[in-house]
Amino acid sequence: AAAADGFDAVEFLFPYEHPPEAIAERLRAHGQK
């Protein structure tokens, strides 16, 4: 959703409910830092 609105960078508070591999896949898929 953020990529669709033009965000190529993201931040967040506490991602620890999700394995880092799942988050890394989303970052790669949408070209985000």
All heavy atoms as atom14 arrays in JSON, in Angstrom:
{
  "sequence": "AAAADGFDAVEFLFPYEHPPEAIAERLRAHGQK",
  "atom14_mask": [
    [1, 1, 1, 1, 1, 0, 0, 0, 0, 0, 0, 0, 0, 0],
    [1, 1, 1, 1, 1, 0, 0, 0, 0, 0, 0, 0, 0, 0],
    [1, 1, 1, 1, 1, 0, 0, 0, 0, 0, 0, 0, 0, 0],
    [1, 1, 1, 1, 1, 0, 0, 0, 0, 0, 0, 0, 0, 0],
    [1, 1, 1, 1, 1, 1, 1, 1, 0, 0, 0, 0, 0, 0],
    [1, 1, 1, 1, 0, 0, 0, 0, 0, 0, 0, 0, 0, 0],
    [1, 1, 1, 1, 1, 1, 1, 1, 1, 1, 1, 0, 0, 0],
    [1, 1, 1, 1, 1, 1, 1, 1, 0, 0, 0, 0, 0, 0],
    [1, 1, 1, 1, 1, 0, 0, 0, 0, 0, 0, 0, 0, 0],
    [1, 1, 1, 1, 1, 1, 1, 0, 0, 0, 0, 0, 0, 0],
    [1, 1, 1, 1, 1, 1, 1, 1, 1, 0, 0, 0, 0, 0],
    [1, 1, 1, 1, 1, 1, 1, 1, 1, 1, 1, 0, 0, 0],
    [1, 1, 1, 1, 1, 1, 1, 1, 0, 0, 0, 0, 0, 0],
    [1, 1, 1, 1, 1, 1, 1, 1, 1, 1, 1, 0, 0, 0],
    [1, 1, 1, 1, 1, 1, 1, 0, 0, 0, 0, 0, 0, 0],
    [1, 1, 1, 1, 1, 1, 1, 1, 1, 1, 1, 1, 0, 0],
    [1, 1, 1, 1, 1, 1, 1, 1, 1, 0, 0, 0, 0, 0],
    [1, 1, 1, 1, 1, 1, 1, 1, 1, 1, 0, 0, 0, 0],
    [1, 1, 1, 1, 1, 1, 1, 0, 0, 0, 0, 0, 0, 0],
    [1, 1, 1, 1, 1, 1, 1, 0, 0, 0, 0, 0, 0, 0],
    [1, 1, 1, 1, 1, 1, 1, 1, 1, 0, 0, 0, 0, 0],
    [1, 1, 1, 1, 1, 0, 0, 0, 0, 0, 0, 0, 0, 0],
    [1, 1, 1, 1, 1, 1, 1, 1, 0, 0, 0, 0, 0, 0],
    [1, 1, 1, 1, 1, 0, 0, 0, 0, 0, 0, 0, 0, 0],
    [1, 1, 1, 1, 1, 1, 1, 1, 1, 0, 0, 0, 0, 0],
    [1, 1, 1, 1, 1, 1, 1, 1, 1, 1, 1, 0, 0, 0],
    [1, 1, 1, 1, 1, 1, 1, 1, 0, 0, 0, 0, 0, 0],
    [1, 1, 1, 1, 1, 1, 1, 1, 1, 1, 1, 0, 0, 0],
    [1, 1, 1, 1, 1, 0, 0, 0, 0, 0, 0, 0, 0, 0],
    [1, 1, 1, 1, 1, 1, 1, 1, 1, 1, 0, 0, 0, 0],
    [1, 1, 1, 1, 0, 0, 0, 0, 0, 0, 0, 0, 0, 0],
    [1, 1, 1, 1, 1, 1, 1, 1, 1, 0, 0, 0, 0, 0],
    [1, 1, 1, 1, 1, 1, 1, 1, 1, 0, 0, 0, 0, 0]
  ],
  "atom14_positions": [
    [[0.83, -1.2, 0.0], [0.0, 0.0, 0.0], [0.87, 1.25, 0.0], [0.59, 2.22, -0.71], [-0.93, -0.01, 1.21], [0.0, 0.0, 0.0], [0.0, 0.0, 0.0], [0.0, 0.0, 0.0], [0.0, 0.0, 0.0], [0.0, 0.0, 0.0], [0.0, 0.0, 0.0], [0.0, 0.0, 0.0], [0.0, 0.0, 0.0], [0.0, 0.0, 0.0]],
    [[1.94, 1.24, 0.79], [2.85, 2.39, 0.84], [3.56, 2.57, -0.49], [3.73, 3.7, -0.99], [3.85, 2.22, 1.97], [0.0, 0.0, 0.0], [0.0, 0.0, 0.0], [0.0, 0.0, 0.0], [0.0, 0.0, 0.0], [0.0, 0.0, 0.0], [0.0, 0.0, 0.0], [0.0, 0.0, 0.0], [0.0, 0.0, 0.0], [0.0, 0.0, 0.0]],
    [[3.98, 1.48, -1.1], [4.65, 1.56, -2.4], [3.71, 2.14, -3.46], [4.13, 2.93, -4.31], [5.14, 0.19, -2.82], [0.0, 0.0, 0.0], [0.0, 0.0, 0.0], [0.0, 0.0, 0.0], [0.0, 0.0, 0.0], [0.0, 0.0, 0.0], [0.0, 0.0, 0.0], [0.0, 0.0, 0.0], [0.0, 0.0, 0.0], [0.0, 0.0, 0.0]],
    [[2.44, 1.75, -3.41], [1.47, 2.26, -4.38], [1.3, 3.77, -4.25], [0.96, 4.45, -5.23], [0.13, 1.56, -4.19], [0.0, 0.0, 0.0], [0.0, 0.0, 0.0], [0.0, 0.0, 0.0], [0.0, 0.0, 0.0], [0.0, 0.0, 0.0], [0.0, 0.0, 0.0], [0.0, 0.0, 0.0], [0.0, 0.0, 0.0], [0.0, 0.0, 0.0]],
    [[1.55, 4.31, -3.06], [1.45, 5.75, -2.85], [2.8, 6.45, -3.03], [2.93, 7.64, -2.73], [0.92, 6.04, -1.45], [-0.59, 5.84, -1.35], [-1.27, 5.99, -2.38], [-1.08, 5.52, -0.24], [0.0, 0.0, 0.0], [0.0, 0.0, 0.0], [0.0, 0.0, 0.0], [0.0, 0.0, 0.0], [0.0, 0.0, 0.0], [0.0, 0.0, 0.0]],
    [[3.8, 5.72, -3.49], [5.07, 6.35, -3.83], [6.13, 6.33, -2.76], [7.19, 6.94, -2.94], [0.0, 0.0, 0.0], [0.0, 0.0, 0.0], [0.0, 0.0, 0.0], [0.0, 0.0, 0.0], [0.0, 0.0, 0.0], [0.0, 0.0, 0.0], [0.0, 0.0, 0.0], [0.0, 0.0, 0.0], [0.0, 0.0, 0.0], [0.0, 0.0, 0.0]],
    [[5.91, 5.62, -1.66], [6.91, 5.56, -0.6], [7.95, 4.49, -0.93], [7.64, 3.3, -1.0], [6.27, 5.23, 0.74], [5.52, 6.36, 1.37], [4.13, 6.37, 1.38], [6.2, 7.41, 1.96], [3.43, 7.41, 1.97], [5.51, 8.47, 2.55], [4.13, 8.46, 2.56], [0.0, 0.0, 0.0], [0.0, 0.0, 0.0], [0.0, 0.0, 0.0]],
    [[9.21, 4.92, -1.1], [10.28, 3.95, -1.31], [11.09, 3.72, -0.05], [12.11, 3.03, -0.06], [11.19, 4.38, -2.46], [11.86, 5.73, -2.21], [11.7, 6.31, -1.12], [12.55, 6.22, -3.14], [0.0, 0.0, 0.0], [0.0, 0.0, 0.0], [0.0, 0.0, 0.0], [0.0, 0.0, 0.0], [0.0, 0.0, 0.0], [0.0, 0.0, 0.0]],
    [[10.65, 4.32, 1.06], [11.29, 4.1, 2.36], [10.19, 3.94, 3.4], [9.13, 4.57, 3.32], [12.2, 5.26, 2.73], [0.0, 0.0, 0.0], [0.0, 0.0, 0.0], [0.0, 0.0, 0.0], [0.0, 0.0, 0.0], [0.0, 0.0, 0.0], [0.0, 0.0, 0.0], [0.0, 0.0, 0.0], [0.0, 0.0, 0.0], [0.0, 0.0, 0.0]],
    [[10.44, 3.09, 4.4], [9.48, 2.84, 5.47], [10.21, 2.77, 6.81], [11.43, 2.61, 6.87], [8.69, 1.53, 5.24], [7.88, 1.61, 3.95], [9.61, 0.32, 5.23], [0.0, 0.0, 0.0], [0.0, 0.0, 0.0], [0.0, 0.0, 0.0], [0.0, 0.0, 0.0], [0.0, 0.0, 0.0], [0.0, 0.0, 0.0], [0.0, 0.0, 0.0]],
    [[9.43, 2.89, 7.85], [9.9, 2.66, 9.22], [8.74, 2.03, 9.97], [7.6, 2.03, 9.51], [10.31, 3.98, 9.89], [9.18, 4.99, 10.01], [9.59, 6.28, 10.7], [10.74, 6.74, 10.49], [8.76, 6.83, 11.45], [0.0, 0.0, 0.0], [0.0, 0.0, 0.0], [0.0, 0.0, 0.0], [0.0, 0.0, 0.0], [0.0, 0.0, 0.0]],
    [[9.02, 1.45, 11.13], [7.95, 0.92, 11.97], [8.46, 0.77, 13.38], [9.66, 0.89, 13.65], [7.37, -0.39, 11.42], [8.38, -1.34, 10.81], [9.31, -2.0, 11.6], [8.37, -1.6, 9.45], [10.21, -2.89, 11.04], [9.27, -2.48, 8.88], [10.2, -3.12, 9.67], [0.0, 0.0, 0.0], [0.0, 0.0, 0.0], [0.0, 0.0, 0.0]],
    [[7.53, 0.5, 14.29], [7.88, 0.4, 15.71], [8.4, -0.99, 16.05], [9.6, -1.2, 16.19], [6.67, 0.77, 16.58], [6.08, 2.16, 16.35], [4.92, 2.41, 17.32], [7.14, 3.24, 16.5], [0.0, 0.0, 0.0], [0.0, 0.0, 0.0], [0.0, 0.0, 0.0], [0.0, 0.0, 0.0], [0.0, 0.0, 0.0], [0.0, 0.0, 0.0]],
    [[7.49, -1.94, 16.19], [7.86, -3.25, 16.73], [7.43, -4.35, 15.76], [6.26, -4.73, 15.74], [7.21, -3.46, 18.1], [7.36, -2.27, 19.02], [6.25, -1.54, 19.41], [8.61, -1.89, 19.47], [6.38, -0.44, 20.25], [8.76, -0.8, 20.3], [7.64, -0.06, 20.7], [0.0, 0.0, 0.0], [0.0, 0.0, 0.0], [0.0, 0.0, 0.0]],
    [[8.33, -4.88, 14.98], [7.97, -5.87, 13.95], [8.04, -7.31, 14.45], [7.97, -8.24, 13.64], [9.07, -5.64, 12.9], [10.28, -5.3, 13.72], [9.76, -4.48, 14.88], [0.0, 0.0, 0.0], [0.0, 0.0, 0.0], [0.0, 0.0, 0.0], [0.0, 0.0, 0.0], [0.0, 0.0, 0.0], [0.0, 0.0, 0.0], [0.0, 0.0, 0.0]],
    [[8.15, -7.51, 15.75], [8.64, -8.8, 16.27], [7.6, -9.91, 16.26], [7.91, -11.05, 16.61], [9.23, -8.57, 17.66], [10.3, -7.49, 17.6], [10.07, -6.23, 18.14], [11.5, -7.72, 16.95], [11.03, -5.23, 18.05], [12.47, -6.73, 16.85], [12.23, -5.49, 17.4], [13.19, -4.5, 17.29], [0.0, 0.0, 0.0], [0.0, 0.0, 0.0]],
    [[6.37, -9.59, 15.86], [5.38, -10.65, 15.69], [5.58, -11.39, 14.37], [4.95, -12.43, 14.14], [3.96, -10.07, 15.73], [3.56, -9.52, 17.1], [2.14, -9.0, 17.1], [1.49, -9.06, 16.03], [1.68, -8.54, 18.15], [0.0, 0.0, 0.0], [0.0, 0.0, 0.0], [0.0, 0.0, 0.0], [0.0, 0.0, 0.0], [0.0, 0.0, 0.0]],
    [[6.43, -10.86, 13.52], [6.65, -11.43, 12.19], [8.12, -11.82, 12.04], [9.01, -11.08, 12.47], [6.26, -10.43, 11.11], [4.86, -9.93, 11.22], [3.78, -10.62, 10.72], [4.36, -8.81, 11.81], [2.68, -9.94, 10.98], [2.99, -8.85, 11.64], [0.0, 0.0, 0.0], [0.0, 0.0, 0.0], [0.0, 0.0, 0.0], [0.0, 0.0, 0.0]],
    [[8.41, -12.96, 11.41], [9.8, -13.32, 11.18], [10.48, -12.32, 10.26], [9.83, -11.8, 9.33], [9.72, -14.71, 10.55], [8.34, -14.8, 9.99], [7.47, -13.95, 10.87], [0.0, 0.0, 0.0], [0.0, 0.0, 0.0], [0.0, 0.0, 0.0], [0.0, 0.0, 0.0], [0.0, 0.0, 0.0], [0.0, 0.0, 0.0], [0.0, 0.0, 0.0]],
    [[11.75, -12.03, 10.48], [12.41, -11.03, 9.63], [12.41, -11.43, 8.15], [12.38, -10.55, 7.28], [13.83, -10.96, 10.2], [14.0, -12.21, 11.01], [12.64, -12.55, 11.51], [0.0, 0.0, 0.0], [0.0, 0.0, 0.0], [0.0, 0.0, 0.0], [0.0, 0.0, 0.0], [0.0, 0.0, 0.0], [0.0, 0.0, 0.0], [0.0, 0.0, 0.0]],
    [[12.42, -12.71, 7.86], [12.42, -13.15, 6.47], [11.16, -12.7, 5.74], [11.21, -12.32, 4.55], [12.55, -14.68, 6.39], [13.85, -15.23, 6.94], [13.84, -15.35, 8.46], [12.77, -15.15, 9.09], [14.92, -15.66, 9.02], [0.0, 0.0, 0.0], [0.0, 0.0, 0.0], [0.0, 0.0, 0.0], [0.0, 0.0, 0.0], [0.0, 0.0, 0.0]],
    [[10.02, -12.73, 6.42], [8.76, -12.32, 5.79], [8.76, -10.82, 5.5], [8.27, -10.37, 4.45], [7.58, -12.68, 6.7], [0.0, 0.0, 0.0], [0.0, 0.0, 0.0], [0.0, 0.0, 0.0], [0.0, 0.0, 0.0], [0.0, 0.0, 0.0], [0.0, 0.0, 0.0], [0.0, 0.0, 0.0], [0.0, 0.0, 0.0], [0.0, 0.0, 0.0]],
    [[9.33, -10.03, 6.43], [9.39, -8.58, 6.22], [10.4, -8.25, 5.12], [10.14, -7.41, 4.25], [9.76, -7.88, 7.53], [8.7, -8.18, 8.61], [9.89, -6.38, 7.32], [9.07, -7.69, 9.99], [0.0, 0.0, 0.0], [0.0, 0.0, 0.0], [0.0, 0.0, 0.0], [0.0, 0.0, 0.0], [0.0, 0.0, 0.0], [0.0, 0.0, 0.0]],
    [[11.53, -8.93, 5.14], [12.55, -8.68, 4.11], [12.0, -8.96, 2.72], [12.32, -8.25, 1.75], [13.79, -9.54, 4.39], [0.0, 0.0, 0.0], [0.0, 0.0, 0.0], [0.0, 0.0, 0.0], [0.0, 0.0, 0.0], [0.0, 0.0, 0.0], [0.0, 0.0, 0.0], [0.0, 0.0, 0.0], [0.0, 0.0, 0.0], [0.0, 0.0, 0.0]],
    [[11.17, -9.98, 2.61], [10.58, -10.31, 1.3], [9.7, -9.18, 0.82], [9.72, -8.83, -0.38], [9.79, -11.61, 1.41], [9.32, -12.18, 0.07], [8.07, -11.51, -0.46], [7.22, -11.1, 0.36], [7.96, -11.36, -1.69], [0.0, 0.0, 0.0], [0.0, 0.0, 0.0], [0.0, 0.0, 0.0], [0.0, 0.0, 0.0], [0.0, 0.0, 0.0]],
    [[8.94, -8.55, 1.72], [8.09, -7.43, 1.32], [8.93, -6.22, 0.89], [8.62, -5.55, -0.09], [7.16, -7.02, 2.47], [6.17, -8.08, 2.95], [5.29, -8.6, 1.83], [4.14, -9.32, 2.31], [4.14, -10.59, 2.74], [5.27, -11.28, 2.78], [3.02, -11.16, 3.15], [0.0, 0.0, 0.0], [0.0, 0.0, 0.0], [0.0, 0.0, 0.0]],
    [[10.0, -5.96, 1.63], [10.87, -4.85, 1.26], [11.48, -5.06, -0.13], [11.5, -4.14, -0.96], [11.99, -4.69, 2.3], [11.57, -4.19, 3.69], [12.71, -4.38, 4.68], [11.16, -2.73, 3.63], [0.0, 0.0, 0.0], [0.0, 0.0, 0.0], [0.0, 0.0, 0.0], [0.0, 0.0, 0.0], [0.0, 0.0, 0.0], [0.0, 0.0, 0.0]],
    [[11.94, -6.27, -0.38], [12.53, -6.56, -1.69], [11.48, -6.46, -2.8], [11.73, -5.88, -3.87], [13.14, -7.97, -1.7], [14.46, -8.09, -0.96], [15.13, -9.41, -1.27], [14.31, -10.56, -0.87], [14.35, -11.12, 0.32], [15.19, -10.65, 1.25], [13.59, -12.17, 0.62], [0.0, 0.0, 0.0], [0.0, 0.0, 0.0], [0.0, 0.0, 0.0]],
    [[10.3, -7.0, -2.54], [9.27, -7.04, -3.57], [8.85, -5.64, -4.02], [8.48, -5.43, -5.19], [8.05, -7.81, -3.06], [0.0, 0.0, 0.0], [0.0, 0.0, 0.0], [0.0, 0.0, 0.0], [0.0, 0.0, 0.0], [0.0, 0.0, 0.0], [0.0, 0.0, 0.0], [0.0, 0.0, 0.0], [0.0, 0.0, 0.0], [0.0, 0.0, 0.0]],
    [[8.93, -4.67, -3.11], [8.43, -3.33, -3.42], [9.55, -2.3, -3.52], [9.28, -1.09, -3.63], [7.4, -2.91, -2.37], [6.23, -3.86, -2.3], [5.31, -3.98, -3.33], [5.86, -4.77, -1.36], [4.42, -4.91, -3.01], [4.73, -5.4, -1.82], [0.0, 0.0, 0.0], [0.0, 0.0, 0.0], [0.0, 0.0, 0.0], [0.0, 0.0, 0.0]],
    [[10.8, -2.77, -3.52], [11.93, -1.87, -3.71], [12.05, -0.81, -2.64], [12.43, 0.34, -2.92], [0.0, 0.0, 0.0], [0.0, 0.0, 0.0], [0.0, 0.0, 0.0], [0.0, 0.0, 0.0], [0.0, 0.0, 0.0], [0.0, 0.0, 0.0], [0.0, 0.0, 0.0], [0.0, 0.0, 0.0], [0.0, 0.0, 0.0], [0.0, 0.0, 0.0]],
    [[11.74, -1.19, -1.39], [11.73, -0.22, -0.3], [12.93, -0.41, 0.63], [13.43, -1.51, 0.82], [10.44, -0.34, 0.51], [9.21, 0.13, -0.27], [7.93, -0.33, 0.38], [7.83, -1.45, 0.9], [6.9, 0.5, 0.33], [0.0, 0.0, 0.0], [0.0, 0.0, 0.0], [0.0, 0.0, 0.0], [0.0, 0.0, 0.0], [0.0, 0.0, 0.0]],
    [[13.33, 0.7, 1.24], [14.4, 0.7, 2.23], [13.8, 0.91, 3.6], [12.94, 1.79, 3.8], [15.39, 1.83, 1.92], [16.49, 2.0, 2.97], [17.43, 3.13, 2.59], [18.48, 3.35, 3.68], [19.29, 2.16, 3.97], [0.0, 0.0, 0.0], [0.0, 0.0, 0.0], [0.0, 0.0, 0.0], [0.0, 0.0, 0.0], [0.0, 0.0, 0.0]]
  ]
}
